[in-house]
Amino acid sequence: MAKRRNFSDAFKAKVALEALRGDKTIQEIAAKYQVHPNQVSTWKRQAVEGMADVFARGGKSEGPTEAEVKELHAKIGRLSVENDLYEAVSVNRVAKHHHPQSASANTL
């Protein structure tokens, strides 16, 4: 049994866009990219169906980009380290300035 191939979203978009242009037949595009003609037709249909969403969002993507996510993760890491350091310094300060008196017969 043949292993299924996984195609990137960018590859699917490229093939679908070429099919939407109409310069070549579905069969020619399928042969060029070594995929089944039904697959090209499916990606073309999905592209057409998804176009309304692009305009509904104003051309913006739904979520943050991968670069934005990496940047935010890095910032979270830095802030976490700063917070841990702040807490450690605060605990040490309190411990240095807090001198509990021992219980003696006079204070009881």
N, C-alpha and C. Protein backbone atom coordinates (compact mmCIF):
# COMPACT_ATOMS: atom_id res chain seq x y z
N MET A 1 0.84 -1.17 0.00
CA MET A 1 0.00 0.00 0.00
C MET A 1 0.89 1.25 0.00
N ALA A 2 0.56 2.20 -0.83
CA ALA A 2 1.37 3.41 -0.97
C ALA A 2 1.15 4.35 0.22
N LYS A 3 2.22 5.02 0.58
CA LYS A 3 2.14 5.98 1.68
C LYS A 3 1.49 7.26 1.18
N ARG A 4 0.62 7.85 2.01
CA ARG A 4 -0.04 9.10 1.64
C ARG A 4 0.95 10.26 1.71
N ARG A 5 0.87 11.13 0.74
CA ARG A 5 1.73 12.31 0.74
C ARG A 5 1.00 13.47 1.41
N ASN A 6 1.74 14.24 2.16
CA ASN A 6 1.19 15.44 2.79
C ASN A 6 1.74 16.65 2.05
N PHE A 7 0.86 17.55 1.67
CA PHE A 7 1.26 18.74 0.94
C PHE A 7 1.08 19.97 1.84
N SER A 8 2.00 20.89 1.74
CA SER A 8 1.91 22.11 2.54
C SER A 8 0.77 22.98 2.03
N ASP A 9 0.30 23.87 2.90
CA ASP A 9 -0.76 24.79 2.51
C ASP A 9 -0.31 25.69 1.36
N ALA A 10 0.96 26.08 1.40
CA ALA A 10 1.49 26.95 0.35
C ALA A 10 1.48 26.23 -1.00
N PHE A 11 1.83 24.94 -0.99
CA PHE A 11 1.83 24.16 -2.23
C PHE A 11 0.41 24.04 -2.78
N LYS A 12 -0.54 23.74 -1.89
CA LYS A 12 -1.94 23.61 -2.32
C LYS A 12 -2.45 24.93 -2.91
N ALA A 13 -2.09 26.04 -2.27
CA ALA A 13 -2.52 27.34 -2.77
C ALA A 13 -1.92 27.63 -4.14
N LYS A 14 -0.66 27.27 -4.33
CA LYS A 14 0.01 27.49 -5.60
C LYS A 14 -0.68 26.72 -6.72
N VAL A 15 -0.98 25.46 -6.45
CA VAL A 15 -1.64 24.61 -7.45
C VAL A 15 -3.05 25.13 -7.73
N ALA A 16 -3.78 25.47 -6.66
CA ALA A 16 -5.15 25.96 -6.82
C ALA A 16 -5.18 27.27 -7.61
N LEU A 17 -4.24 28.16 -7.33
CA LEU A 17 -4.18 29.44 -8.04
C LEU A 17 -3.91 29.22 -9.53
N GLU A 18 -3.03 28.29 -9.82
CA GLU A 18 -2.74 27.99 -11.22
C GLU A 18 -3.99 27.42 -11.91
N ALA A 19 -4.75 26.61 -11.19
CA ALA A 19 -5.98 26.06 -11.75
C ALA A 19 -7.03 27.16 -11.95
N LEU A 20 -7.06 28.12 -11.03
CA LEU A 20 -8.03 29.22 -11.14
C LEU A 20 -7.70 30.15 -12.32
N ARG A 21 -6.44 30.28 -12.65
CA ARG A 21 -6.04 31.15 -13.77
C ARG A 21 -6.64 30.65 -15.09
N GLY A 22 -6.73 29.34 -15.23
CA GLY A 22 -7.33 28.78 -16.43
C GLY A 22 -6.41 28.72 -17.63
N ASP A 23 -5.12 28.99 -17.45
CA ASP A 23 -4.17 28.93 -18.56
C ASP A 23 -3.91 27.50 -19.03
N LYS A 24 -4.01 26.56 -18.10
CA LYS A 24 -3.75 25.15 -18.39
C LYS A 24 -4.95 24.33 -17.94
N THR A 25 -5.05 23.14 -18.47
CA THR A 25 -6.12 22.24 -18.04
C THR A 25 -5.76 21.63 -16.68
N ILE A 26 -6.76 21.10 -16.02
CA ILE A 26 -6.55 20.43 -14.73
C ILE A 26 -5.55 19.29 -14.90
N GLN A 27 -5.67 18.55 -16.01
CA GLN A 27 -4.78 17.43 -16.27
C GLN A 27 -3.33 17.90 -16.45
N GLU A 28 -3.13 19.02 -17.14
CA GLU A 28 -1.78 19.55 -17.34
C GLU A 28 -1.16 19.98 -16.00
N ILE A 29 -1.96 20.63 -15.18
CA ILE A 29 -1.48 21.07 -13.87
C ILE A 29 -1.15 19.87 -12.99
N ALA A 30 -2.02 18.86 -13.02
CA ALA A 30 -1.79 17.65 -12.23
C ALA A 30 -0.50 16.96 -12.66
N ALA A 31 -0.25 16.88 -13.96
CA ALA A 31 0.97 16.25 -14.46
C ALA A 31 2.19 17.07 -14.05
N LYS A 32 2.08 18.39 -14.13
CA LYS A 32 3.20 19.27 -13.77
C LYS A 32 3.61 19.08 -12.31
N TYR A 33 2.64 18.98 -11.42
CA TYR A 33 2.93 18.88 -9.98
C TYR A 33 2.88 17.44 -9.45
N GLN A 34 2.66 16.49 -10.35
CA GLN A 34 2.63 15.07 -10.00
C GLN A 34 1.60 14.75 -8.91
N VAL A 35 0.39 15.25 -9.12
CA VAL A 35 -0.73 14.94 -8.23
C VAL A 35 -1.89 14.46 -9.11
N HIS A 36 -2.88 13.88 -8.48
CA HIS A 36 -4.04 13.39 -9.22
C HIS A 36 -4.91 14.58 -9.65
N PRO A 37 -5.50 14.52 -10.83
CA PRO A 37 -6.38 15.62 -11.28
C PRO A 37 -7.52 15.91 -10.30
N ASN A 38 -8.04 14.87 -9.65
CA ASN A 38 -9.11 15.10 -8.67
C ASN A 38 -8.61 15.97 -7.51
N GLN A 39 -7.35 15.80 -7.17
CA GLN A 39 -6.77 16.59 -6.07
C GLN A 39 -6.69 18.06 -6.47
N VAL A 40 -6.29 18.33 -7.70
CA VAL A 40 -6.22 19.71 -8.19
C VAL A 40 -7.61 20.33 -8.16
N SER A 41 -8.60 19.59 -8.61
CA SER A 41 -9.98 20.09 -8.61
C SER A 41 -10.47 20.37 -7.20
N THR A 42 -10.13 19.50 -6.27
CA THR A 42 -10.54 19.70 -4.87
C THR A 42 -9.91 20.96 -4.30
N TRP A 43 -8.62 21.15 -4.52
CA TRP A 43 -7.94 22.34 -4.00
C TRP A 43 -8.49 23.61 -4.64
N LYS A 44 -8.82 23.53 -5.93
CA LYS A 44 -9.40 24.68 -6.62
C LYS A 44 -10.76 25.03 -6.00
N ARG A 45 -11.58 24.02 -5.76
CA ARG A 45 -12.90 24.25 -5.16
C ARG A 45 -12.76 24.83 -3.76
N GLN A 46 -11.83 24.30 -2.96
CA GLN A 46 -11.61 24.80 -1.61
C GLN A 46 -11.14 26.26 -1.63
N ALA A 47 -10.32 26.60 -2.60
CA ALA A 47 -9.84 27.98 -2.71
C ALA A 47 -11.00 28.92 -3.02
N VAL A 48 -11.84 28.52 -3.93
CA VAL A 48 -13.00 29.36 -4.29
C VAL A 48 -13.93 29.51 -3.10
N GLU A 49 -14.20 28.41 -2.40
CA GLU A 49 -15.10 28.47 -1.24
C GLU A 49 -14.52 29.30 -0.10
N GLY A 50 -13.19 29.32 0.03
CA GLY A 50 -12.55 30.05 1.12
C GLY A 50 -12.32 31.53 0.83
N MET A 51 -12.53 31.95 -0.41
CA MET A 51 -12.27 33.34 -0.77
C MET A 51 -13.15 34.33 -0.02
N ALA A 52 -14.39 33.99 0.22
CA ALA A 52 -15.30 34.90 0.93
C ALA A 52 -14.77 35.21 2.32
N ASP A 53 -14.14 34.22 2.97
CA ASP A 53 -13.59 34.43 4.30
C ASP A 53 -12.46 35.46 4.29
N VAL A 54 -11.67 35.46 3.24
CA VAL A 54 -10.56 36.40 3.13
C VAL A 54 -11.11 37.83 3.12
N PHE A 55 -12.16 38.05 2.36
CA PHE A 55 -12.73 39.39 2.28
C PHE A 55 -13.50 39.75 3.54
N ALA A 56 -14.08 38.76 4.19
CA ALA A 56 -14.82 39.02 5.43
C ALA A 56 -13.87 39.48 6.54
N ARG A 57 -12.64 39.00 6.54
CA ARG A 57 -11.65 39.38 7.55
C ARG A 57 -10.88 40.62 7.14
N GLY A 58 -11.17 41.19 6.01
CA GLY A 58 -10.44 42.35 5.54
C GLY A 58 -9.06 41.99 5.02
N GLY A 59 -8.87 40.74 4.61
CA GLY A 59 -7.58 40.32 4.08
C GLY A 59 -6.58 39.94 5.16
N LYS A 60 -6.97 40.00 6.40
CA LYS A 60 -6.06 39.68 7.50
C LYS A 60 -6.23 38.22 7.90
N SER A 61 -5.14 37.63 8.38
CA SER A 61 -5.22 36.25 8.84
C SER A 61 -5.98 36.19 10.16
N GLU A 62 -6.49 35.03 10.49
CA GLU A 62 -7.31 34.88 11.68
C GLU A 62 -6.51 35.02 12.97
N GLY A 63 -5.30 34.54 12.99
CA GLY A 63 -4.53 34.53 14.23
C GLY A 63 -3.16 35.12 14.01
N PRO A 64 -2.34 35.03 15.05
CA PRO A 64 -0.98 35.57 14.93
C PRO A 64 -0.13 34.71 14.00
N THR A 65 0.88 35.34 13.42
CA THR A 65 1.79 34.60 12.56
C THR A 65 2.73 33.77 13.42
N GLU A 66 3.44 32.86 12.78
CA GLU A 66 4.38 32.01 13.52
C GLU A 66 5.49 32.85 14.16
N ALA A 67 5.93 33.89 13.46
CA ALA A 67 6.97 34.77 14.01
C ALA A 67 6.46 35.50 15.25
N GLU A 68 5.20 35.94 15.20
CA GLU A 68 4.62 36.63 16.36
C GLU A 68 4.50 35.69 17.55
N VAL A 69 4.13 34.45 17.29
CA VAL A 69 4.02 33.48 18.37
C VAL A 69 5.39 33.23 19.01
N LYS A 70 6.43 33.07 18.18
CA LYS A 70 7.77 32.85 18.71
C LYS A 70 8.23 34.04 19.54
N GLU A 71 7.95 35.24 19.05
CA GLU A 71 8.33 36.45 19.77
C GLU A 71 7.61 36.52 21.12
N LEU A 72 6.33 36.19 21.13
CA LEU A 72 5.57 36.22 22.38
C LEU A 72 6.06 35.15 23.36
N HIS A 73 6.41 33.97 22.85
CA HIS A 73 6.94 32.93 23.73
C HIS A 73 8.26 33.36 24.35
N ALA A 74 9.09 34.03 23.57
CA ALA A 74 10.36 34.52 24.09
C ALA A 74 10.11 35.57 25.17
N LYS A 75 9.16 36.44 24.93
CA LYS A 75 8.84 37.48 25.91
C LYS A 75 8.29 36.87 27.20
N ILE A 76 7.45 35.86 27.06
CA ILE A 76 6.91 35.17 28.23
C ILE A 76 8.04 34.55 29.03
N GLY A 77 9.00 33.95 28.34
CA GLY A 77 10.15 33.35 29.02
C GLY A 77 10.95 34.39 29.79
N ARG A 78 11.23 35.53 29.15
CA ARG A 78 11.99 36.59 29.83
C ARG A 78 11.24 37.11 31.04
N LEU A 79 9.95 37.35 30.88
CA LEU A 79 9.15 37.87 32.00
C LEU A 79 9.05 36.85 33.13
N SER A 80 8.98 35.59 32.79
CA SER A 80 8.92 34.54 33.80
C SER A 80 10.21 34.51 34.62
N VAL A 81 11.36 34.62 33.94
CA VAL A 81 12.64 34.65 34.64
C VAL A 81 12.74 35.88 35.53
N GLU A 82 12.33 37.04 34.99
CA GLU A 82 12.35 38.27 35.78
C GLU A 82 11.45 38.14 37.02
N ASN A 83 10.29 37.56 36.83
CA ASN A 83 9.35 37.39 37.94
C ASN A 83 9.93 36.46 39.00
N ASP A 84 10.53 35.36 38.58
CA ASP A 84 11.15 34.43 39.53
C ASP A 84 12.27 35.11 40.30
N LEU A 85 13.08 35.90 39.61
CA LEU A 85 14.17 36.62 40.25
C LEU A 85 13.62 37.64 41.26
N TYR A 86 12.59 38.35 40.86
CA TYR A 86 11.95 39.34 41.75
C TYR A 86 11.42 38.66 43.01
N GLU A 87 10.76 37.54 42.84
CA GLU A 87 10.22 36.81 43.99
C GLU A 87 11.33 36.32 44.90
N ALA A 88 12.42 35.84 44.33
CA ALA A 88 13.54 35.35 45.14
C ALA A 88 14.17 36.50 45.93
N VAL A 89 14.33 37.65 45.32
CA VAL A 89 14.89 38.81 46.01
C VAL A 89 13.95 39.27 47.12
N SER A 90 12.66 39.29 46.85
CA SER A 90 11.68 39.72 47.85
C SER A 90 11.68 38.79 49.05
N VAL A 91 11.75 37.50 48.81
CA VAL A 91 11.76 36.52 49.90
C VAL A 91 13.02 36.70 50.74
N ASN A 92 14.15 36.92 50.09
CA ASN A 92 15.41 37.12 50.83
C ASN A 92 15.37 38.40 51.66
N ARG A 93 14.80 39.46 51.14
CA ARG A 93 14.69 40.72 51.89
C ARG A 93 13.85 40.53 53.13
N VAL A 94 12.72 39.89 52.98
CA VAL A 94 11.83 39.67 54.11
C VAL A 94 12.52 38.81 55.15
N ALA A 95 13.24 37.80 54.70
CA ALA A 95 13.92 36.89 55.64
C ALA A 95 15.03 37.62 56.40
N LYS A 96 15.74 38.55 55.76
CA LYS A 96 16.82 39.28 56.42
C LYS A 96 16.29 40.26 57.46
N HIS A 97 15.18 40.89 57.17
CA HIS A 97 14.66 41.93 58.05
C HIS A 97 13.69 41.39 59.11
N HIS A 98 13.31 40.19 59.00
CA HIS A 98 12.36 39.61 59.94
C HIS A 98 13.14 38.76 60.94
N HIS A 99 13.19 39.22 62.19
CA HIS A 99 13.88 38.50 63.25
C HIS A 99 12.86 38.08 64.29
N PRO A 100 12.37 36.89 64.20
CA PRO A 100 11.37 36.47 65.20
C PRO A 100 12.02 36.34 66.58
N GLN A 101 11.31 36.88 67.54
CA GLN A 101 11.82 36.82 68.92
C GLN A 101 11.53 35.45 69.48
N SER A 102 12.50 34.96 70.20
CA SER A 102 12.28 33.65 70.78
C SER A 102 11.36 33.80 71.98
N ALA A 103 10.60 32.80 72.21
CA ALA A 103 9.67 32.84 73.34
C ALA A 103 10.46 32.68 74.62
N SER A 104 10.29 33.64 75.51
CA SER A 104 10.98 33.55 76.80
C SER A 104 9.95 33.59 77.92
N ALA A 105 10.40 33.37 79.05
CA ALA A 105 9.49 33.34 80.20
C ALA A 105 8.86 34.70 80.41
N ASN A 106 9.55 35.80 80.07
CA ASN A 106 9.02 37.14 80.27
C ASN A 106 7.91 37.48 79.30
N THR A 107 7.97 36.94 78.08
CA THR A 107 6.97 37.30 77.06
C THR A 107 5.74 36.42 77.14
N LEU A 108 5.79 35.37 77.89
CA LEU A 108 4.63 34.50 77.98
C LEU A 108 3.76 35.02 79.01
